[in-house]
Amino acid sequence: MDPADRTLRARLAAHSQWAKETDPSARTAKARKAAGEKFVTQARELHPDGSDELIAKTAEHLRKAHFARMGMASAAKRRKGATAPKAA
């Protein structure tokens, strides 16, 4: 199966699965919690003796930095794709 067909099949499966979901937030709650805990763990590594307030602020900055980094990588990839020669 070529990549385009595989992408379409995966998209169809994802939409079909989400259509069956009555509470999408509940389905993704575990993943969101784990992601948040990852940033708190990193904050505690940076500030082992930090107060809960400092840890919370640091974790939020780490989260924002993570998403900013992802945005920069995405923009760079789009720019690269826009300048790449098109295959015939």
PDB file of N, CA and C in Angstrom:
ATOM      1  N   MET A   1       0.855  -1.176   0.000  1.00  0.00           N
ATOM      2  CA  MET A   1       0.000   0.000   0.000  1.00  0.00           C
ATOM      3  C   MET A   1       0.903   1.241   0.000  1.00  0.00           C
ATOM      4  N   ASP A   2       0.594   2.179  -0.855  1.00  0.00           N
ATOM      5  CA  ASP A   2       1.443   3.372  -0.920  1.00  0.00           C
ATOM      6  C   ASP A   2       1.129   4.305   0.264  1.00  0.00           C
ATOM      7  N   PRO A   3       2.036   5.230   0.578  1.00  0.00           N
ATOM      8  CA  PRO A   3       1.877   6.094   1.752  1.00  0.00           C
ATOM      9  C   PRO A   3       0.582   6.916   1.751  1.00  0.00           C
ATOM     10  N   ALA A   4       0.149   7.380   0.600  1.00  0.00           N
ATOM     11  CA  ALA A   4      -1.081   8.185   0.547  1.00  0.00           C
ATOM     12  C   ALA A   4      -2.293   7.340   0.931  1.00  0.00           C
ATOM     13  N   ASP A   5      -2.348   6.114   0.426  1.00  0.00           N
ATOM     14  CA  ASP A   5      -3.462   5.222   0.783  1.00  0.00           C
ATOM     15  C   ASP A   5      -3.421   4.862   2.267  1.00  0.00           C
ATOM     16  N   ARG A   6      -2.222   4.651   2.791  1.00  0.00           N
ATOM     17  CA  ARG A   6      -2.077   4.317   4.207  1.00  0.00           C
ATOM     18  C   ARG A   6      -2.555   5.485   5.074  1.00  0.00           C
ATOM     19  N   THR A   7      -2.231   6.706   4.660  1.00  0.00           N
ATOM     20  CA  THR A   7      -2.672   7.897   5.390  1.00  0.00           C
ATOM     21  C   THR A   7      -4.192   8.011   5.374  1.00  0.00           C
ATOM     22  N   LEU A   8      -4.785   7.803   4.220  1.00  0.00           N
ATOM     23  CA  LEU A   8      -6.250   7.883   4.120  1.00  0.00           C
ATOM     24  C   LEU A   8      -6.919   6.816   4.980  1.00  0.00           C
ATOM     25  N   ARG A   9      -6.369   5.607   4.963  1.00  0.00           N
ATOM     26  CA  ARG A   9      -6.931   4.519   5.771  1.00  0.00           C
ATOM     27  C   ARG A   9      -6.830   4.859   7.257  1.00  0.00           C
ATOM     28  N   ALA A  10      -5.701   5.387   7.675  1.00  0.00           N
ATOM     29  CA  ALA A  10      -5.518   5.751   9.085  1.00  0.00           C
ATOM     30  C   ALA A  10      -6.463   6.879   9.481  1.00  0.00           C
ATOM     31  N   ARG A  11      -6.634   7.858   8.614  1.00  0.00           N
ATOM     32  CA  ARG A  11      -7.547   8.979   8.889  1.00  0.00           C
ATOM     33  C   ARG A  11      -8.979   8.477   9.048  1.00  0.00           C
ATOM     34  N   LEU A  12      -9.397   7.580   8.158  1.00  0.00           N
ATOM     35  CA  LEU A  12     -10.736   6.993   8.224  1.00  0.00           C
ATOM     36  C   LEU A  12     -10.924   6.254   9.548  1.00  0.00           C
ATOM     37  N   ALA A  13      -9.937   5.448   9.933  1.00  0.00           N
ATOM     38  CA  ALA A  13     -10.029   4.697  11.181  1.00  0.00           C
ATOM     39  C   ALA A  13     -10.120   5.631  12.384  1.00  0.00           C
ATOM     40  N   ALA A  14      -9.313   6.680  12.388  1.00  0.00           N
ATOM     41  CA  ALA A  14      -9.329   7.626  13.511  1.00  0.00           C
ATOM     42  C   ALA A  14     -10.671   8.323  13.628  1.00  0.00           C
ATOM     43  N   HIS A  15     -11.211   8.799  12.515  1.00  0.00           N
ATOM     44  CA  HIS A  15     -12.514   9.476  12.554  1.00  0.00           C
ATOM     45  C   HIS A  15     -13.614   8.512  12.983  1.00  0.00           C
ATOM     46  N   SER A  16     -13.556   7.290  12.509  1.00  0.00           N
ATOM     47  CA  SER A  16     -14.557   6.295  12.901  1.00  0.00           C
ATOM     48  C   SER A  16     -14.493   6.037  14.399  1.00  0.00           C
ATOM     49  N   GLN A  17     -13.292   5.912  14.938  1.00  0.00           N
ATOM     50  CA  GLN A  17     -13.134   5.658  16.368  1.00  0.00           C
ATOM     51  C   GLN A  17     -13.607   6.849  17.194  1.00  0.00           C
ATOM     52  N   TRP A  18     -13.243   8.068  16.792  1.00  0.00           N
ATOM     53  CA  TRP A  18     -13.664   9.247  17.554  1.00  0.00           C
ATOM     54  C   TRP A  18     -15.176   9.453  17.468  1.00  0.00           C
ATOM     55  N   ALA A  19     -15.799   9.017  16.382  1.00  0.00           N
ATOM     56  CA  ALA A  19     -17.253   9.141  16.255  1.00  0.00           C
ATOM     57  C   ALA A  19     -17.963   8.278  17.301  1.00  0.00           C
ATOM     58  N   LYS A  20     -17.357   7.183  17.698  1.00  0.00           N
ATOM     59  CA  LYS A  20     -17.950   6.279  18.695  1.00  0.00           C
ATOM     60  C   LYS A  20     -17.753   6.774  20.123  1.00  0.00           C
ATOM     61  N   GLU A  21     -16.873   7.722  20.312  1.00  0.00           N
ATOM     62  CA  GLU A  21     -16.499   8.188  21.653  1.00  0.00           C
ATOM     63  C   GLU A  21     -17.535   9.169  22.176  1.00  0.00           C
ATOM     64  N   THR A  22     -18.076   8.890  23.364  1.00  0.00           N
ATOM     65  CA  THR A  22     -19.063   9.807  23.942  1.00  0.00           C
ATOM     66  C   THR A  22     -18.406  10.910  24.760  1.00  0.00           C
ATOM     67  N   ASP A  23     -17.201  10.640  25.302  1.00  0.00           N
ATOM     68  CA  ASP A  23     -16.496  11.636  26.101  1.00  0.00           C
ATOM     69  C   ASP A  23     -15.020  11.661  25.698  1.00  0.00           C
ATOM     70  N   PRO A  24     -14.700  12.418  24.629  1.00  0.00           N
ATOM     71  CA  PRO A  24     -13.315  12.442  24.141  1.00  0.00           C
ATOM     72  C   PRO A  24     -12.312  12.893  25.198  1.00  0.00           C
ATOM     73  N   SER A  25     -12.691  13.816  26.058  1.00  0.00           N
ATOM     74  CA  SER A  25     -11.770  14.295  27.092  1.00  0.00           C
ATOM     75  C   SER A  25     -11.383  13.173  28.047  1.00  0.00           C
ATOM     76  N   ALA A  26     -12.327  12.329  28.387  1.00  0.00           N
ATOM     77  CA  ALA A  26     -12.030  11.214  29.284  1.00  0.00           C
ATOM     78  C   ALA A  26     -11.056  10.240  28.626  1.00  0.00           C
ATOM     79  N   ARG A  27     -11.207  10.046  27.332  1.00  0.00           N
ATOM     80  CA  ARG A  27     -10.343   9.104  26.631  1.00  0.00           C
ATOM     81  C   ARG A  27      -8.886   9.576  26.623  1.00  0.00           C
ATOM     82  N   THR A  28      -8.675  10.867  26.569  1.00  0.00           N
ATOM     83  CA  THR A  28      -7.308  11.387  26.492  1.00  0.00           C
ATOM     84  C   THR A  28      -6.788  11.909  27.835  1.00  0.00           C
ATOM     85  N   ALA A  29      -7.576  11.788  28.899  1.00  0.00           N
ATOM     86  CA  ALA A  29      -7.190  12.336  30.202  1.00  0.00           C
ATOM     87  C   ALA A  29      -5.886  11.732  30.713  1.00  0.00           C
ATOM     88  N   LYS A  30      -5.727  10.435  30.561  1.00  0.00           N
ATOM     89  CA  LYS A  30      -4.525   9.765  31.059  1.00  0.00           C
ATOM     90  C   LYS A  30      -3.265  10.308  30.377  1.00  0.00           C
ATOM     91  N   ALA A  31      -3.349  10.507  29.079  1.00  0.00           N
ATOM     92  CA  ALA A  31      -2.198  11.025  28.329  1.00  0.00           C
ATOM     93  C   ALA A  31      -1.895  12.468  28.720  1.00  0.00           C
ATOM     94  N   ARG A  32      -2.934  13.275  28.897  1.00  0.00           N
ATOM     95  CA  ARG A  32      -2.718  14.665  29.310  1.00  0.00           C
ATOM     96  C   ARG A  32      -2.076  14.732  30.695  1.00  0.00           C
ATOM     97  N   LYS A  33      -2.531  13.867  31.590  1.00  0.00           N
ATOM     98  CA  LYS A  33      -1.969  13.839  32.939  1.00  0.00           C
ATOM     99  C   LYS A  33      -0.490  13.437  32.889  1.00  0.00           C
ATOM    100  N   ALA A  34      -0.180  12.424  32.105  1.00  0.00           N
ATOM    101  CA  ALA A  34       1.211  11.961  31.989  1.00  0.00           C
ATOM    102  C   ALA A  34       2.098  13.056  31.413  1.00  0.00           C
ATOM    103  N   ALA A  35       1.603  13.774  30.416  1.00  0.00           N
ATOM    104  CA  ALA A  35       2.388  14.851  29.813  1.00  0.00           C
ATOM    105  C   ALA A  35       2.652  15.954  30.837  1.00  0.00           C
ATOM    106  N   GLY A  36       1.639  16.313  31.599  1.00  0.00           N
ATOM    107  CA  GLY A  36       1.807  17.337  32.624  1.00  0.00           C
ATOM    108  C   GLY A  36       2.798  16.907  33.692  1.00  0.00           C
ATOM    109  N   GLU A  37       2.730  15.643  34.081  1.00  0.00           N
ATOM    110  CA  GLU A  37       3.649  15.121  35.093  1.00  0.00           C
ATOM    111  C   GLU A  37       5.090  15.125  34.589  1.00  0.00           C
ATOM    112  N   LYS A  38       5.254  14.932  33.277  1.00  0.00           N
ATOM    113  CA  LYS A  38       6.600  14.952  32.696  1.00  0.00           C
ATOM    114  C   LYS A  38       7.259  16.312  32.935  1.00  0.00           C
ATOM    115  N   PHE A  39       6.504  17.382  32.747  1.00  0.00           N
ATOM    116  CA  PHE A  39       7.054  18.722  32.936  1.00  0.00           C
ATOM    117  C   PHE A  39       7.314  19.012  34.413  1.00  0.00           C
ATOM    118  N   VAL A  40       6.464  18.506  35.282  1.00  0.00           N
ATOM    119  CA  VAL A  40       6.682  18.686  36.729  1.00  0.00           C
ATOM    120  C   VAL A  40       7.951  17.937  37.149  1.00  0.00           C
ATOM    121  N   THR A  41       8.135  16.735  36.623  1.00  0.00           N
ATOM    122  CA  THR A  41       9.345  15.959  36.936  1.00  0.00           C
ATOM    123  C   THR A  41      10.593  16.707  36.478  1.00  0.00           C
ATOM    124  N   GLN A  42      10.540  17.252  35.271  1.00  0.00           N
ATOM    125  CA  GLN A  42      11.682  18.023  34.771  1.00  0.00           C
ATOM    126  C   GLN A  42      11.935  19.249  35.636  1.00  0.00           C
ATOM    127  N   ALA A  43      10.862  19.910  36.076  1.00  0.00           N
ATOM    128  CA  ALA A  43      11.000  21.098  36.927  1.00  0.00           C
ATOM    129  C   ALA A  43      11.643  20.723  38.257  1.00  0.00           C
ATOM    130  N   ARG A  44      11.238  19.581  38.816  1.00  0.00           N
ATOM    131  CA  ARG A  44      11.833  19.135  40.090  1.00  0.00           C
ATOM    132  C   ARG A  44      13.303  18.763  39.922  1.00  0.00           C
ATOM    133  N   GLU A  45      13.676  18.262  38.746  1.00  0.00           N
ATOM    134  CA  GLU A  45      15.082  17.962  38.486  1.00  0.00           C
ATOM    135  C   GLU A  45      15.910  19.248  38.426  1.00  0.00           C
ATOM    136  N   LEU A  46      15.310  20.305  37.850  1.00  0.00           N
ATOM    137  CA  LEU A  46      16.004  21.584  37.764  1.00  0.00           C
ATOM    138  C   LEU A  46      16.096  22.283  39.124  1.00  0.00           C
ATOM    139  N   HIS A  47      15.045  22.138  39.935  1.00  0.00           N
ATOM    140  CA  HIS A  47      14.956  22.822  41.232  1.00  0.00           C
ATOM    141  C   HIS A  47      14.551  21.813  42.305  1.00  0.00           C
ATOM    142  N   PRO A  48      15.491  20.964  42.719  1.00  0.00           N
ATOM    143  CA  PRO A  48      15.140  19.903  43.674  1.00  0.00           C
ATOM    144  C   PRO A  48      14.571  20.413  45.002  1.00  0.00           C
ATOM    145  N   ASP A  49      14.982  21.588  45.424  1.00  0.00           N
ATOM    146  CA  ASP A  49      14.500  22.140  46.694  1.00  0.00           C
ATOM    147  C   ASP A  49      13.466  23.240  46.484  1.00  0.00           C
ATOM    148  N   GLY A  50      12.929  23.333  45.273  1.00  0.00           N
ATOM    149  CA  GLY A  50      11.992  24.414  44.959  1.00  0.00           C
ATOM    150  C   GLY A  50      10.636  24.238  45.624  1.00  0.00           C
ATOM    151  N   SER A  51       9.993  25.369  45.865  1.00  0.00           N
ATOM    152  CA  SER A  51       8.650  25.347  46.447  1.00  0.00           C
ATOM    153  C   SER A  51       7.658  24.831  45.396  1.00  0.00           C
ATOM    154  N   ASP A  52       6.475  24.468  45.859  1.00  0.00           N
ATOM    155  CA  ASP A  52       5.444  23.998  44.924  1.00  0.00           C
ATOM    156  C   ASP A  52       5.119  25.074  43.885  1.00  0.00           C
ATOM    157  N   GLU A  53       5.132  26.338  44.336  1.00  0.00           N
ATOM    158  CA  GLU A  53       4.846  27.445  43.413  1.00  0.00           C
ATOM    159  C   GLU A  53       5.930  27.547  42.335  1.00  0.00           C
ATOM    160  N   LEU A  54       7.196  27.439  42.749  1.00  0.00           N
ATOM    161  CA  LEU A  54       8.293  27.500  41.787  1.00  0.00           C
ATOM    162  C   LEU A  54       8.213  26.319  40.809  1.00  0.00           C
ATOM    163  N   ILE A  55       7.924  25.143  41.326  1.00  0.00           N
ATOM    164  CA  ILE A  55       7.828  23.953  40.474  1.00  0.00           C
ATOM    165  C   ILE A  55       6.698  24.139  39.456  1.00  0.00           C
ATOM    166  N   ALA A  56       5.562  24.644  39.890  1.00  0.00           N
ATOM    167  CA  ALA A  56       4.427  24.853  38.983  1.00  0.00           C
ATOM    168  C   ALA A  56       4.769  25.865  37.893  1.00  0.00           C
ATOM    169  N   LYS A  57       5.416  26.976  38.279  1.00  0.00           N
ATOM    170  CA  LYS A  57       5.799  27.991  37.282  1.00  0.00           C
ATOM    171  C   LYS A  57       6.828  27.438  36.299  1.00  0.00           C
ATOM    172  N   THR A  58       7.812  26.706  36.833  1.00  0.00           N
ATOM    173  CA  THR A  58       8.848  26.132  35.979  1.00  0.00           C
ATOM    174  C   THR A  58       8.242  25.110  35.020  1.00  0.00           C
ATOM    175  N   ALA A  59       7.356  24.270  35.535  1.00  0.00           N
ATOM    176  CA  ALA A  59       6.706  23.264  34.689  1.00  0.00           C
ATOM    177  C   ALA A  59       5.922  23.931  33.563  1.00  0.00           C
ATOM    178  N   GLU A  60       5.249  25.024  33.878  1.00  0.00           N
ATOM    179  CA  GLU A  60       4.490  25.735  32.842  1.00  0.00           C
ATOM    180  C   GLU A  60       5.427  26.321  31.783  1.00  0.00           C
ATOM    181  N   HIS A  61       6.550  26.862  32.203  1.00  0.00           N
ATOM    182  CA  HIS A  61       7.525  27.386  31.239  1.00  0.00           C
ATOM    183  C   HIS A  61       8.111  26.260  30.397  1.00  0.00           C
ATOM    184  N   LEU A  62       8.383  25.128  31.010  1.00  0.00           N
ATOM    185  CA  LEU A  62       8.895  23.976  30.251  1.00  0.00           C
ATOM    186  C   LEU A  62       7.871  23.502  29.218  1.00  0.00           C
ATOM    187  N   ARG A  63       6.594  23.497  29.617  1.00  0.00           N
ATOM    188  CA  ARG A  63       5.523  23.106  28.691  1.00  0.00           C
ATOM    189  C   ARG A  63       5.455  24.074  27.515  1.00  0.00           C
ATOM    190  N   LYS A  64       5.492  25.367  27.812  1.00  0.00           N
ATOM    191  CA  LYS A  64       5.429  26.370  26.747  1.00  0.00           C
ATOM    192  C   LYS A  64       6.647  26.283  25.832  1.00  0.00           C
ATOM    193  N   ALA A  65       7.823  26.034  26.416  1.00  0.00           N
ATOM    194  CA  ALA A  65       9.033  25.888  25.607  1.00  0.00           C
ATOM    195  C   ALA A  65       8.921  24.667  24.694  1.00  0.00           C
ATOM    196  N   HIS A  66       8.357  23.587  25.221  1.00  0.00           N
ATOM    197  CA  HIS A  66       8.172  22.369  24.422  1.00  0.00           C
ATOM    198  C   HIS A  66       7.308  22.653  23.189  1.00  0.00           C
ATOM    199  N   PHE A  67       6.172  23.312  23.402  1.00  0.00           N
ATOM    200  CA  PHE A  67       5.277  23.584  22.281  1.00  0.00           C
ATOM    201  C   PHE A  67       5.854  24.629  21.330  1.00  0.00           C
ATOM    202  N   ALA A  68       6.621  25.588  21.852  1.00  0.00           N
ATOM    203  CA  ALA A  68       7.291  26.554  20.978  1.00  0.00           C
ATOM    204  C   ALA A  68       8.330  25.844  20.105  1.00  0.00           C
ATOM    205  N   ARG A  69       9.068  24.907  20.713  1.00  0.00           N
ATOM    206  CA  ARG A  69      10.061  24.123  19.969  1.00  0.00           C
ATOM    207  C   ARG A  69       9.384  23.307  18.867  1.00  0.00           C
ATOM    208  N   MET A  70       8.251  22.696  19.203  1.00  0.00           N
ATOM    209  CA  MET A  70       7.509  21.923  18.189  1.00  0.00           C
ATOM    210  C   MET A  70       7.017  22.829  17.059  1.00  0.00           C
ATOM    211  N   GLY A  71       6.558  24.017  17.414  1.00  0.00           N
ATOM    212  CA  GLY A  71       6.097  24.969  16.406  1.00  0.00           C
ATOM    213  C   GLY A  71       7.218  25.409  15.487  1.00  0.00           C
ATOM    214  N   MET A  72       8.393  25.657  16.064  1.00  0.00           N
ATOM    215  CA  MET A  72       9.541  26.049  15.241  1.00  0.00           C
ATOM    216  C   MET A  72       9.932  24.928  14.287  1.00  0.00           C
ATOM    217  N   ALA A  73       9.938  23.695  14.779  1.00  0.00           N
ATOM    218  CA  ALA A  73      10.296  22.557  13.928  1.00  0.00           C
ATOM    219  C   ALA A  73       9.275  22.381  12.808  1.00  0.00           C
ATOM    220  N   SER A  74       8.013  22.565  13.134  1.00  0.00           N
ATOM    221  CA  SER A  74       6.964  22.439  12.135  1.00  0.00           C
ATOM    222  C   SER A  74       7.090  23.516  11.056  1.00  0.00           C
ATOM    223  N   ALA A  75       7.356  24.756  11.488  1.00  0.00           N
ATOM    224  CA  ALA A  75       7.512  25.852  10.530  1.00  0.00           C
ATOM    225  C   ALA A  75       8.717  25.618   9.629  1.00  0.00           C
ATOM    226  N   ALA A  76       9.812  25.129  10.214  1.00  0.00           N
ATOM    227  CA  ALA A  76      11.012  24.859   9.419  1.00  0.00           C
ATOM    228  C   ALA A  76      10.731  23.774   8.382  1.00  0.00           C
ATOM    229  N   LYS A  77       9.993  22.760   8.787  1.00  0.00           N
ATOM    230  CA  LYS A  77       9.666  21.680   7.856  1.00  0.00           C
ATOM    231  C   LYS A  77       8.755  22.188   6.730  1.00  0.00           C
ATOM    232  N   ARG A  78       7.790  23.049   7.087  1.00  0.00           N
ATOM    233  CA  ARG A  78       6.910  23.610   6.042  1.00  0.00           C
ATOM    234  C   ARG A  78       7.709  24.473   5.072  1.00  0.00           C
ATOM    235  N   ARG A  79       8.634  25.286   5.626  1.00  0.00           N
ATOM    236  CA  ARG A  79       9.467  26.117   4.748  1.00  0.00           C
ATOM    237  C   ARG A  79      10.300  25.240   3.820  1.00  0.00           C
ATOM    238  N   LYS A  80      10.881  24.209   4.372  1.00  0.00           N
ATOM    239  CA  LYS A  80      11.706  23.302   3.559  1.00  0.00           C
ATOM    240  C   LYS A  80      10.870  22.647   2.471  1.00  0.00           C
ATOM    241  N   GLY A  81       9.648  22.238   2.813  1.00  0.00           N
ATOM    242  CA  GLY A  81       8.758  21.608   1.839  1.00  0.00           C
ATOM    243  C   GLY A  81       8.315  22.578   0.758  1.00  0.00           C
ATOM    244  N   ALA A  82       8.167  23.845   1.125  1.00  0.00           N
ATOM    245  CA  ALA A  82       7.722  24.848   0.153  1.00  0.00           C
ATOM    246  C   ALA A  82       8.801  25.156  -0.863  1.00  0.00           C
ATOM    247  N   THR A  83      10.078  24.996  -0.480  1.00  0.00           N
ATOM    248  CA  THR A  83      11.167  25.310  -1.388  1.00  0.00           C
ATOM    249  C   THR A  83      11.710  24.095  -2.106  1.00  0.00           C
ATOM    250  N   ALA A  84      11.269  22.890  -1.686  1.00  0.00           N
ATOM    251  CA  ALA A  84      11.753  21.667  -2.331  1.00  0.00           C
ATOM    252  C   ALA A  84      11.167  21.550  -3.734  1.00  0.00           C
ATOM    253  N   PRO A  85      11.954  21.099  -4.676  1.00  0.00           N
ATOM    254  CA  PRO A  85      11.424  20.921  -6.026  1.00  0.00           C
ATOM    255  C   PRO A  85      10.365  19.821  -6.032  1.00  0.00           C
ATOM    256  N   LYS A  86       9.312  20.046  -6.784  1.00  0.00           N
ATOM    257  CA  LYS A  86       8.216  19.092  -6.894  1.00  0.00           C
ATOM    258  C   LYS A  86       8.585  17.974  -7.853  1.00  0.00           C
ATOM    259  N   ALA A  87       8.304  16.744  -7.452  1.00  0.00           N
ATOM    260  CA  ALA A  87       8.554  15.589  -8.334  1.00  0.00           C
ATOM    261  C   ALA A  87       7.432  15.497  -9.357  1.00  0.00           C
ATOM    262  N   ALA A  88       7.778  15.163 -10.573  1.00  0.00           N
ATOM    263  CA  ALA A  88       6.764  15.091 -11.630  1.00  0.00           C
ATOM    264  C   ALA A  88       6.082  13.762 -11.668  1.00  0.00           C
TER     265      ALA A  88
END
